[in-house]
Amino acid sequence: MNAPAFFRRTLRTNRRGFTLMEMLIVLSIIALLMGLVIMNVINFSGPAETTKVKADLLGFKEMLAAYQLDSGSLPTTEQGLSVLWSKPTVEPIPQRWRAMLEQETLDPWGHHYQYRNPGIHNPDRYDVFSMGPDGKPDTDDDIGNWPDKKAASTP
Protein backbone atom coordinates (compact mmCIF):
# COMPACT_ATOMS: atom_id res chain seq x y z
CA MET A 1 0.00 0.00 0.00
CA ASN A 2 1.45 3.30 -1.10
CA ALA A 3 1.34 6.48 1.00
CA PRO A 4 -0.78 9.37 -0.30
CA ALA A 5 0.96 11.97 -2.48
CA PHE A 6 0.90 14.57 0.32
CA PHE A 7 3.04 12.41 2.62
CA ARG A 8 5.43 11.52 -0.18
CA ARG A 9 6.06 15.23 -0.89
CA THR A 10 6.56 16.02 2.83
CA LEU A 11 9.07 13.22 3.20
CA ARG A 12 11.02 14.43 0.18
CA THR A 13 11.19 18.06 1.35
CA ASN A 14 12.43 17.01 4.80
CA ARG A 15 15.32 15.14 3.21
CA ARG A 16 16.54 18.12 1.17
CA GLY A 17 18.18 20.01 4.07
CA PHE A 18 17.55 22.93 6.39
CA THR A 19 15.19 25.77 5.58
CA LEU A 20 16.36 29.35 5.57
CA MET A 21 14.47 30.01 8.82
CA GLU A 22 16.19 27.11 10.58
CA MET A 23 19.60 28.35 9.43
CA LEU A 24 18.84 31.88 10.70
CA ILE A 25 17.78 30.55 14.09
CA VAL A 26 20.93 28.44 14.44
CA LEU A 27 23.16 31.34 13.36
CA SER A 28 21.40 33.66 15.82
CA ILE A 29 21.96 31.23 18.68
CA ILE A 30 25.66 30.86 17.75
CA ALA A 31 26.05 34.67 17.59
CA LEU A 32 24.37 35.06 20.97
CA LEU A 33 26.64 32.44 22.56
CA MET A 34 29.74 34.06 21.05
CA GLY A 35 28.63 37.43 22.40
CA LEU A 36 28.27 35.99 25.90
CA VAL A 37 31.73 34.42 25.71
CA ILE A 38 33.30 37.67 24.53
CA MET A 39 31.56 39.63 27.30
CA ASN A 40 32.95 37.24 29.91
CA VAL A 41 36.47 37.26 28.49
CA ILE A 42 36.77 41.04 28.19
CA ASN A 43 36.58 42.91 31.50
CA PHE A 44 34.00 45.67 31.18
CA SER A 45 33.62 46.13 34.93
CA GLY A 46 36.16 48.95 35.47
CA PRO A 47 33.79 51.85 34.78
CA ALA A 48 30.94 50.12 36.63
CA GLU A 49 33.05 49.66 39.76
CA THR A 50 34.09 53.33 39.72
CA THR A 51 30.48 54.39 39.26
CA LYS A 52 29.40 52.25 42.22
CA VAL A 53 32.09 53.80 44.44
CA LYS A 54 30.98 57.31 43.46
CA ALA A 55 27.35 56.43 44.20
CA ASP A 56 28.36 55.00 47.59
CA LEU A 57 30.35 58.18 48.36
CA LEU A 58 27.28 60.31 47.64
CA GLY A 59 25.27 58.09 49.98
CA PHE A 60 27.90 58.47 52.72
CA LYS A 61 27.83 62.25 52.24
CA GLU A 62 24.07 62.32 52.83
CA MET A 63 24.23 59.95 55.80
CA LEU A 64 27.09 61.90 57.41
CA ALA A 65 25.10 65.12 57.00
CA ALA A 66 22.12 63.47 58.72
CA TYR A 67 24.41 62.14 61.47
CA GLN A 68 25.80 65.64 61.99
CA LEU A 69 22.27 67.06 62.28
CA ASP A 70 21.29 64.39 64.83
CA SER A 71 24.45 64.42 66.94
CA GLY A 72 25.73 67.97 66.49
CA SER A 73 29.09 66.91 65.02
CA LEU A 74 30.68 64.64 62.46
CA PRO A 75 32.25 61.40 63.64
CA THR A 76 35.93 61.42 64.51
CA THR A 77 38.48 59.44 62.52
CA GLU A 78 38.60 56.92 65.36
CA GLN A 79 34.81 56.46 65.28
CA GLY A 80 34.86 56.19 61.49
CA LEU A 81 31.97 55.24 59.28
CA SER A 82 30.87 52.55 61.72
CA VAL A 83 28.71 55.22 63.42
CA LEU A 84 26.34 54.77 60.48
CA TRP A 85 25.40 51.19 61.48
CA SER A 86 26.42 50.84 65.14
CA LYS A 87 26.22 53.26 68.05
CA PRO A 88 29.59 54.84 68.84
CA THR A 89 31.43 53.58 71.92
CA VAL A 90 34.24 56.16 71.66
CA GLU A 91 33.77 59.80 72.69
CA PRO A 92 31.98 61.91 71.63
CA ILE A 93 28.95 59.64 72.01
CA PRO A 94 25.84 61.36 70.64
CA GLN A 95 22.73 61.52 72.80
CA ARG A 96 20.55 61.16 69.72
CA TRP A 97 21.73 58.30 67.51
CA ARG A 98 20.00 56.18 64.88
CA ALA A 99 21.30 53.57 62.48
CA MET A 100 21.55 54.81 58.92
CA LEU A 101 22.70 51.44 57.54
CA GLU A 102 21.87 47.88 58.50
CA GLN A 103 25.47 46.78 58.03
CA GLU A 104 28.78 47.96 56.64
CA THR A 105 29.00 48.70 52.95
CA LEU A 106 32.12 47.38 51.20
CA ASP A 107 33.58 48.78 48.01
CA PRO A 108 33.39 46.73 44.77
CA TRP A 109 36.76 45.11 45.56
CA GLY A 110 35.60 43.91 48.99
CA HIS A 111 37.53 46.51 51.02
CA HIS A 112 36.26 48.74 53.82
CA TYR A 113 35.59 52.36 52.94
CA GLN A 114 37.97 54.73 54.72
CA TYR A 115 37.09 57.88 56.68
CA ARG A 116 39.29 60.69 58.01
CA ASN A 117 38.22 63.79 59.90
CA PRO A 118 39.85 66.18 59.20
CA GLY A 119 40.74 64.93 55.76
CA ILE A 120 44.07 65.02 53.98
CA HIS A 121 42.48 65.96 50.64
CA ASN A 122 39.74 68.04 52.31
CA PRO A 123 41.44 69.66 55.34
CA ASP A 124 38.35 71.75 56.16
CA ARG A 125 36.05 68.72 56.04
CA TYR A 126 36.45 64.95 55.93
CA ASP A 127 37.72 62.37 53.44
CA VAL A 128 35.68 59.30 52.58
CA PHE A 129 37.29 57.00 50.05
CA SER A 130 37.75 53.57 48.57
CA MET A 131 41.30 52.25 48.48
CA GLY A 132 40.66 51.01 44.94
CA PRO A 133 41.66 47.67 43.47
CA ASP A 134 45.04 47.52 45.24
CA GLY A 135 43.46 47.80 48.72
CA LYS A 136 46.12 50.25 49.92
CA PRO A 137 45.30 53.76 51.15
CA ASP A 138 46.91 56.90 49.71
CA THR A 139 47.78 55.45 46.30
CA ASP A 140 46.87 56.67 42.83
CA ASP A 141 43.91 54.30 42.45
CA ASP A 142 42.02 55.69 45.48
CA ILE A 143 38.57 57.07 44.69
CA GLY A 144 37.32 59.64 47.17
CA ASN A 145 35.16 62.66 47.85
CA TRP A 146 37.77 65.01 46.42
CA PRO A 147 38.29 66.29 42.85
CA ASP A 148 39.86 63.69 40.54
CA LYS A 149 43.35 64.90 39.60
CA LYS A 150 43.35 62.81 36.40
CA ALA A 151 40.08 64.31 35.18
CA ALA A 152 41.23 67.84 36.10
CA SER A 153 44.53 67.49 34.22
CA THR A 154 42.99 66.33 30.91
CA PRO A 155 42.04 69.17 28.52
C-alpha atoms as a PDB file:
ATOM      1  CA  MET A   1       0.000   0.000   0.000  1.00  0.00           C
ATOM      2  CA  ASN A   2       1.447   3.301  -1.102  1.00  0.00           C
ATOM      3  CA  ALA A   3       1.342   6.478   0.998  1.00  0.00           C
ATOM      4  CA  PRO A   4      -0.783   9.371  -0.303  1.00  0.00           C
ATOM      5  CA  ALA A   5       0.960  11.967  -2.475  1.00  0.00           C
ATOM      6  CA  PHE A   6       0.904  14.570   0.322  1.00  0.00           C
ATOM      7  CA  PHE A   7       3.041  12.405   2.622  1.00  0.00           C
ATOM      8  CA  ARG A   8       5.430  11.519  -0.176  1.00  0.00           C
ATOM      9  CA  ARG A   9       6.055  15.232  -0.890  1.00  0.00           C
ATOM     10  CA  THR A  10       6.561  16.021   2.832  1.00  0.00           C
ATOM     11  CA  LEU A  11       9.067  13.216   3.204  1.00  0.00           C
ATOM     12  CA  ARG A  12      11.019  14.427   0.179  1.00  0.00           C
ATOM     13  CA  THR A  13      11.190  18.061   1.351  1.00  0.00           C
ATOM     14  CA  ASN A  14      12.430  17.008   4.796  1.00  0.00           C
ATOM     15  CA  ARG A  15      15.319  15.138   3.205  1.00  0.00           C
ATOM     16  CA  ARG A  16      16.541  18.122   1.168  1.00  0.00           C
ATOM     17  CA  GLY A  17      18.179  20.008   4.074  1.00  0.00           C
ATOM     18  CA  PHE A  18      17.545  22.925   6.387  1.00  0.00           C
ATOM     19  CA  THR A  19      15.194  25.767   5.581  1.00  0.00           C
ATOM     20  CA  LEU A  20      16.355  29.353   5.570  1.00  0.00           C
ATOM     21  CA  MET A  21      14.474  30.009   8.822  1.00  0.00           C
ATOM     22  CA  GLU A  22      16.188  27.106  10.578  1.00  0.00           C
ATOM     23  CA  MET A  23      19.600  28.352   9.431  1.00  0.00           C
ATOM     24  CA  LEU A  24      18.841  31.879  10.697  1.00  0.00           C
ATOM     25  CA  ILE A  25      17.775  30.553  14.095  1.00  0.00           C
ATOM     26  CA  VAL A  26      20.926  28.437  14.437  1.00  0.00           C
ATOM     27  CA  LEU A  27      23.164  31.339  13.362  1.00  0.00           C
ATOM     28  CA  SER A  28      21.401  33.660  15.823  1.00  0.00           C
ATOM     29  CA  ILE A  29      21.965  31.231  18.679  1.00  0.00           C
ATOM     30  CA  ILE A  30      25.656  30.865  17.750  1.00  0.00           C
ATOM     31  CA  ALA A  31      26.053  34.668  17.589  1.00  0.00           C
ATOM     32  CA  LEU A  32      24.374  35.058  20.973  1.00  0.00           C
ATOM     33  CA  LEU A  33      26.643  32.444  22.559  1.00  0.00           C
ATOM     34  CA  MET A  34      29.741  34.056  21.053  1.00  0.00           C
ATOM     35  CA  GLY A  35      28.631  37.426  22.400  1.00  0.00           C
ATOM     36  CA  LEU A  36      28.266  35.989  25.895  1.00  0.00           C
ATOM     37  CA  VAL A  37      31.727  34.418  25.714  1.00  0.00           C
ATOM     38  CA  ILE A  38      33.295  37.672  24.532  1.00  0.00           C
ATOM     39  CA  MET A  39      31.559  39.635  27.300  1.00  0.00           C
ATOM     40  CA  ASN A  40      32.948  37.237  29.915  1.00  0.00           C
ATOM     41  CA  VAL A  41      36.474  37.257  28.494  1.00  0.00           C
ATOM     42  CA  ILE A  42      36.770  41.036  28.188  1.00  0.00           C
ATOM     43  CA  ASN A  43      36.583  42.906  31.501  1.00  0.00           C
ATOM     44  CA  PHE A  44      34.000  45.675  31.177  1.00  0.00           C
ATOM     45  CA  SER A  45      33.617  46.131  34.934  1.00  0.00           C
ATOM     46  CA  GLY A  46      36.163  48.949  35.475  1.00  0.00           C
ATOM     47  CA  PRO A  47      33.789  51.851  34.781  1.00  0.00           C
ATOM     48  CA  ALA A  48      30.941  50.118  36.625  1.00  0.00           C
ATOM     49  CA  GLU A  49      33.052  49.664  39.763  1.00  0.00           C
ATOM     50  CA  THR A  50      34.094  53.332  39.724  1.00  0.00           C
ATOM     51  CA  THR A  51      30.475  54.389  39.259  1.00  0.00           C
ATOM     52  CA  LYS A  52      29.396  52.247  42.221  1.00  0.00           C
ATOM     53  CA  VAL A  53      32.088  53.797  44.437  1.00  0.00           C
ATOM     54  CA  LYS A  54      30.984  57.315  43.458  1.00  0.00           C
ATOM     55  CA  ALA A  55      27.352  56.434  44.205  1.00  0.00           C
ATOM     56  CA  ASP A  56      28.364  55.000  47.585  1.00  0.00           C
ATOM     57  CA  LEU A  57      30.348  58.178  48.360  1.00  0.00           C
ATOM     58  CA  LEU A  58      27.278  60.312  47.641  1.00  0.00           C
ATOM     59  CA  GLY A  59      25.273  58.092  49.982  1.00  0.00           C
ATOM     60  CA  PHE A  60      27.901  58.467  52.718  1.00  0.00           C
ATOM     61  CA  LYS A  61      27.826  62.248  52.242  1.00  0.00           C
ATOM     62  CA  GLU A  62      24.068  62.316  52.829  1.00  0.00           C
ATOM     63  CA  MET A  63      24.230  59.949  55.803  1.00  0.00           C
ATOM     64  CA  LEU A  64      27.089  61.901  57.411  1.00  0.00           C
ATOM     65  CA  ALA A  65      25.104  65.123  57.003  1.00  0.00           C
ATOM     66  CA  ALA A  66      22.117  63.475  58.715  1.00  0.00           C
ATOM     67  CA  TYR A  67      24.411  62.136  61.472  1.00  0.00           C
ATOM     68  CA  GLN A  68      25.801  65.640  61.995  1.00  0.00           C
ATOM     69  CA  LEU A  69      22.273  67.056  62.278  1.00  0.00           C
ATOM     70  CA  ASP A  70      21.290  64.387  64.828  1.00  0.00           C
ATOM     71  CA  SER A  71      24.451  64.422  66.944  1.00  0.00           C
ATOM     72  CA  GLY A  72      25.731  67.970  66.491  1.00  0.00           C
ATOM     73  CA  SER A  73      29.093  66.909  65.022  1.00  0.00           C
ATOM     74  CA  LEU A  74      30.681  64.644  62.465  1.00  0.00           C
ATOM     75  CA  PRO A  75      32.251  61.403  63.637  1.00  0.00           C
ATOM     76  CA  THR A  76      35.929  61.417  64.511  1.00  0.00           C
ATOM     77  CA  THR A  77      38.481  59.441  62.519  1.00  0.00           C
ATOM     78  CA  GLU A  78      38.600  56.920  65.360  1.00  0.00           C
ATOM     79  CA  GLN A  79      34.809  56.463  65.277  1.00  0.00           C
ATOM     80  CA  GLY A  80      34.859  56.190  61.491  1.00  0.00           C
ATOM     81  CA  LEU A  81      31.965  55.243  59.277  1.00  0.00           C
ATOM     82  CA  SER A  82      30.867  52.550  61.720  1.00  0.00           C
ATOM     83  CA  VAL A  83      28.713  55.219  63.421  1.00  0.00           C
ATOM     84  CA  LEU A  84      26.338  54.772  60.480  1.00  0.00           C
ATOM     85  CA  TRP A  85      25.402  51.189  61.477  1.00  0.00           C
ATOM     86  CA  SER A  86      26.416  50.837  65.141  1.00  0.00           C
ATOM     87  CA  LYS A  87      26.223  53.262  68.048  1.00  0.00           C
ATOM     88  CA  PRO A  88      29.594  54.838  68.837  1.00  0.00           C
ATOM     89  CA  THR A  89      31.426  53.582  71.915  1.00  0.00           C
ATOM     90  CA  VAL A  90      34.238  56.160  71.659  1.00  0.00           C
ATOM     91  CA  GLU A  91      33.770  59.805  72.688  1.00  0.00           C
ATOM     92  CA  PRO A  92      31.977  61.906  71.626  1.00  0.00           C
ATOM     93  CA  ILE A  93      28.950  59.642  72.011  1.00  0.00           C
ATOM     94  CA  PRO A  94      25.837  61.360  70.642  1.00  0.00           C
ATOM     95  CA  GLN A  95      22.728  61.524  72.796  1.00  0.00           C
ATOM     96  CA  ARG A  96      20.548  61.158  69.716  1.00  0.00           C
ATOM     97  CA  TRP A  97      21.726  58.297  67.508  1.00  0.00           C
ATOM     98  CA  ARG A  98      20.003  56.180  64.880  1.00  0.00           C
ATOM     99  CA  ALA A  99      21.305  53.573  62.484  1.00  0.00           C
ATOM    100  CA  MET A 100      21.554  54.812  58.917  1.00  0.00           C
ATOM    101  CA  LEU A 101      22.699  51.443  57.536  1.00  0.00           C
ATOM    102  CA  GLU A 102      21.868  47.876  58.505  1.00  0.00           C
ATOM    103  CA  GLN A 103      25.468  46.775  58.028  1.00  0.00           C
ATOM    104  CA  GLU A 104      28.779  47.956  56.645  1.00  0.00           C
ATOM    105  CA  THR A 105      29.003  48.696  52.950  1.00  0.00           C
ATOM    106  CA  LEU A 106      32.118  47.382  51.200  1.00  0.00           C
ATOM    107  CA  ASP A 107      33.585  48.784  48.010  1.00  0.00           C
ATOM    108  CA  PRO A 108      33.385  46.733  44.771  1.00  0.00           C
ATOM    109  CA  TRP A 109      36.758  45.109  45.555  1.00  0.00           C
ATOM    110  CA  GLY A 110      35.596  43.913  48.986  1.00  0.00           C
ATOM    111  CA  HIS A 111      37.532  46.510  51.019  1.00  0.00           C
ATOM    112  CA  HIS A 112      36.256  48.741  53.819  1.00  0.00           C
ATOM    113  CA  TYR A 113      35.587  52.364  52.941  1.00  0.00           C
ATOM    114  CA  GLN A 114      37.975  54.732  54.716  1.00  0.00           C
ATOM    115  CA  TYR A 115      37.087  57.882  56.681  1.00  0.00           C
ATOM    116  CA  ARG A 116      39.285  60.690  58.013  1.00  0.00           C
ATOM    117  CA  ASN A 117      38.218  63.791  59.895  1.00  0.00           C
ATOM    118  CA  PRO A 118      39.853  66.176  59.201  1.00  0.00           C
ATOM    119  CA  GLY A 119      40.739  64.927  55.759  1.00  0.00           C
ATOM    120  CA  ILE A 120      44.071  65.025  53.976  1.00  0.00           C
ATOM    121  CA  HIS A 121      42.478  65.956  50.639  1.00  0.00           C
ATOM    122  CA  ASN A 122      39.743  68.036  52.312  1.00  0.00           C
ATOM    123  CA  PRO A 123      41.442  69.661  55.338  1.00  0.00           C
ATOM    124  CA  ASP A 124      38.347  71.752  56.159  1.00  0.00           C
ATOM    125  CA  ARG A 125      36.052  68.716  56.035  1.00  0.00           C
ATOM    126  CA  TYR A 126      36.449  64.951  55.925  1.00  0.00           C
ATOM    127  CA  ASP A 127      37.724  62.374  53.441  1.00  0.00           C
ATOM    128  CA  VAL A 128      35.680  59.299  52.575  1.00  0.00           C
ATOM    129  CA  PHE A 129      37.293  57.001  50.050  1.00  0.00           C
ATOM    130  CA  SER A 130      37.754  53.575  48.565  1.00  0.00           C
ATOM    131  CA  MET A 131      41.297  52.245  48.484  1.00  0.00           C
ATOM    132  CA  GLY A 132      40.658  51.014  44.944  1.00  0.00           C
ATOM    133  CA  PRO A 133      41.658  47.671  43.466  1.00  0.00           C
ATOM    134  CA  ASP A 134      45.037  47.520  45.238  1.00  0.00           C
ATOM    135  CA  GLY A 135      43.464  47.795  48.716  1.00  0.00           C
ATOM    136  CA  LYS A 136      46.121  50.250  49.922  1.00  0.00           C
ATOM    137  CA  PRO A 137      45.301  53.760  51.146  1.00  0.00           C
ATOM    138  CA  ASP A 138      46.906  56.897  49.711  1.00  0.00           C
ATOM    139  CA  THR A 139      47.782  55.450  46.304  1.00  0.00           C
ATOM    140  CA  ASP A 140      46.872  56.675  42.827  1.00  0.00           C
ATOM    141  CA  ASP A 141      43.915  54.301  42.446  1.00  0.00           C
ATOM    142  CA  ASP A 142      42.024  55.690  45.478  1.00  0.00           C
ATOM    143  CA  ILE A 143      38.566  57.067  44.695  1.00  0.00           C
ATOM    144  CA  GLY A 144      37.322  59.636  47.173  1.00  0.00           C
ATOM    145  CA  ASN A 145      35.157  62.658  47.847  1.00  0.00           C
ATOM    146  CA  TRP A 146      37.767  65.008  46.416  1.00  0.00           C
ATOM    147  CA  PRO A 147      38.293  66.285  42.847  1.00  0.00           C
ATOM    148  CA  ASP A 148      39.863  63.691  40.542  1.00  0.00           C
ATOM    149  CA  LYS A 149      43.352  64.897  39.599  1.00  0.00           C
ATOM    150  CA  LYS A 150      43.355  62.807  36.399  1.00  0.00           C
ATOM    151  CA  ALA A 151      40.075  64.312  35.185  1.00  0.00           C
ATOM    152  CA  ALA A 152      41.233  67.837  36.096  1.00  0.00           C
ATOM    153  CA  SER A 153      44.530  67.490  34.216  1.00  0.00           C
ATOM    154  CA  THR A 154      42.993  66.334  30.910  1.00  0.00           C
ATOM    155  CA  PRO A 155      42.041  69.173  28.520  1.00  0.00           C
END
